[in-house]
Amino acid sequence: MENKIDVNITLAMPEDAENLINLLEQLKTESDTFTIDPELGEMSVQQQAQQIMC
């Protein structure tokens, strides 16, 4: 039997900044398959929102 999963991928928006920071912090503890900037934990939600817009 085949399981079908729909996935929607969208660009991050400034209002996603806090959730993005939280996700990346969680992934840092769960995986070593990618590298995350060590300064991520020092970035404020407002700074992340500005970064998303770049």
Protein backbone atom coordinates (compact mmCIF):
# COMPACT_ATOMS: atom_id res chain seq x y z
CA MET A 1 0.00 0.00 0.00
CA GLU A 2 1.28 3.47 -0.89
CA ASN A 3 1.09 6.35 1.59
CA LYS A 4 0.69 9.75 0.04
CA ILE A 5 1.97 12.84 1.84
CA ASP A 6 1.38 16.36 0.57
CA VAL A 7 4.08 18.90 1.37
CA ASN A 8 3.83 22.64 0.78
CA ILE A 9 7.03 24.66 0.71
CA THR A 10 6.83 28.42 0.93
CA LEU A 11 9.31 31.23 1.39
CA ALA A 12 9.81 32.42 4.94
CA MET A 13 8.13 35.71 5.79
CA PRO A 14 9.17 38.16 8.53
CA GLU A 15 6.32 36.93 10.75
CA ASP A 16 7.94 33.45 10.62
CA ALA A 17 11.14 34.69 12.30
CA GLU A 18 10.46 33.41 15.81
CA ASN A 19 9.33 29.98 14.61
CA LEU A 20 12.34 29.75 12.30
CA ILE A 21 14.75 30.52 15.14
CA ASN A 22 13.04 27.92 17.33
CA LEU A 23 13.18 25.29 14.59
CA LEU A 24 16.87 25.87 13.88
CA GLU A 25 17.72 25.76 17.59
CA GLN A 26 15.89 22.43 17.90
CA LEU A 27 17.57 21.00 14.79
CA LYS A 28 20.99 21.95 16.18
CA THR A 29 20.39 19.53 19.04
CA GLU A 30 18.89 16.74 16.93
CA SER A 31 21.15 16.52 13.90
CA ASP A 32 24.73 16.97 12.80
CA THR A 33 23.99 16.70 9.08
CA PHE A 34 24.09 20.44 8.53
CA THR A 35 25.84 23.46 9.99
CA ILE A 36 24.07 26.36 11.67
CA ASP A 37 25.74 29.70 12.33
CA PRO A 38 26.77 29.71 16.02
CA GLU A 39 25.56 33.31 16.30
CA LEU A 40 22.01 32.20 15.56
CA GLY A 41 21.23 32.03 19.29
CA GLU A 42 22.26 35.66 19.62
CA MET A 43 19.95 36.89 16.85
CA SER A 44 16.77 38.60 17.99
CA VAL A 45 13.42 37.89 16.36
CA GLN A 46 13.54 41.39 14.85
CA GLN A 47 17.01 40.76 13.39
CA GLN A 48 15.87 37.42 11.96
CA ALA A 49 12.82 39.10 10.40
CA GLN A 50 15.10 41.65 8.75
CA GLN A 51 17.38 38.84 7.51
CA ILE A 52 14.41 37.05 5.96
CA MET A 53 13.63 40.15 3.90
CA CYS A 54 17.15 40.26 2.40
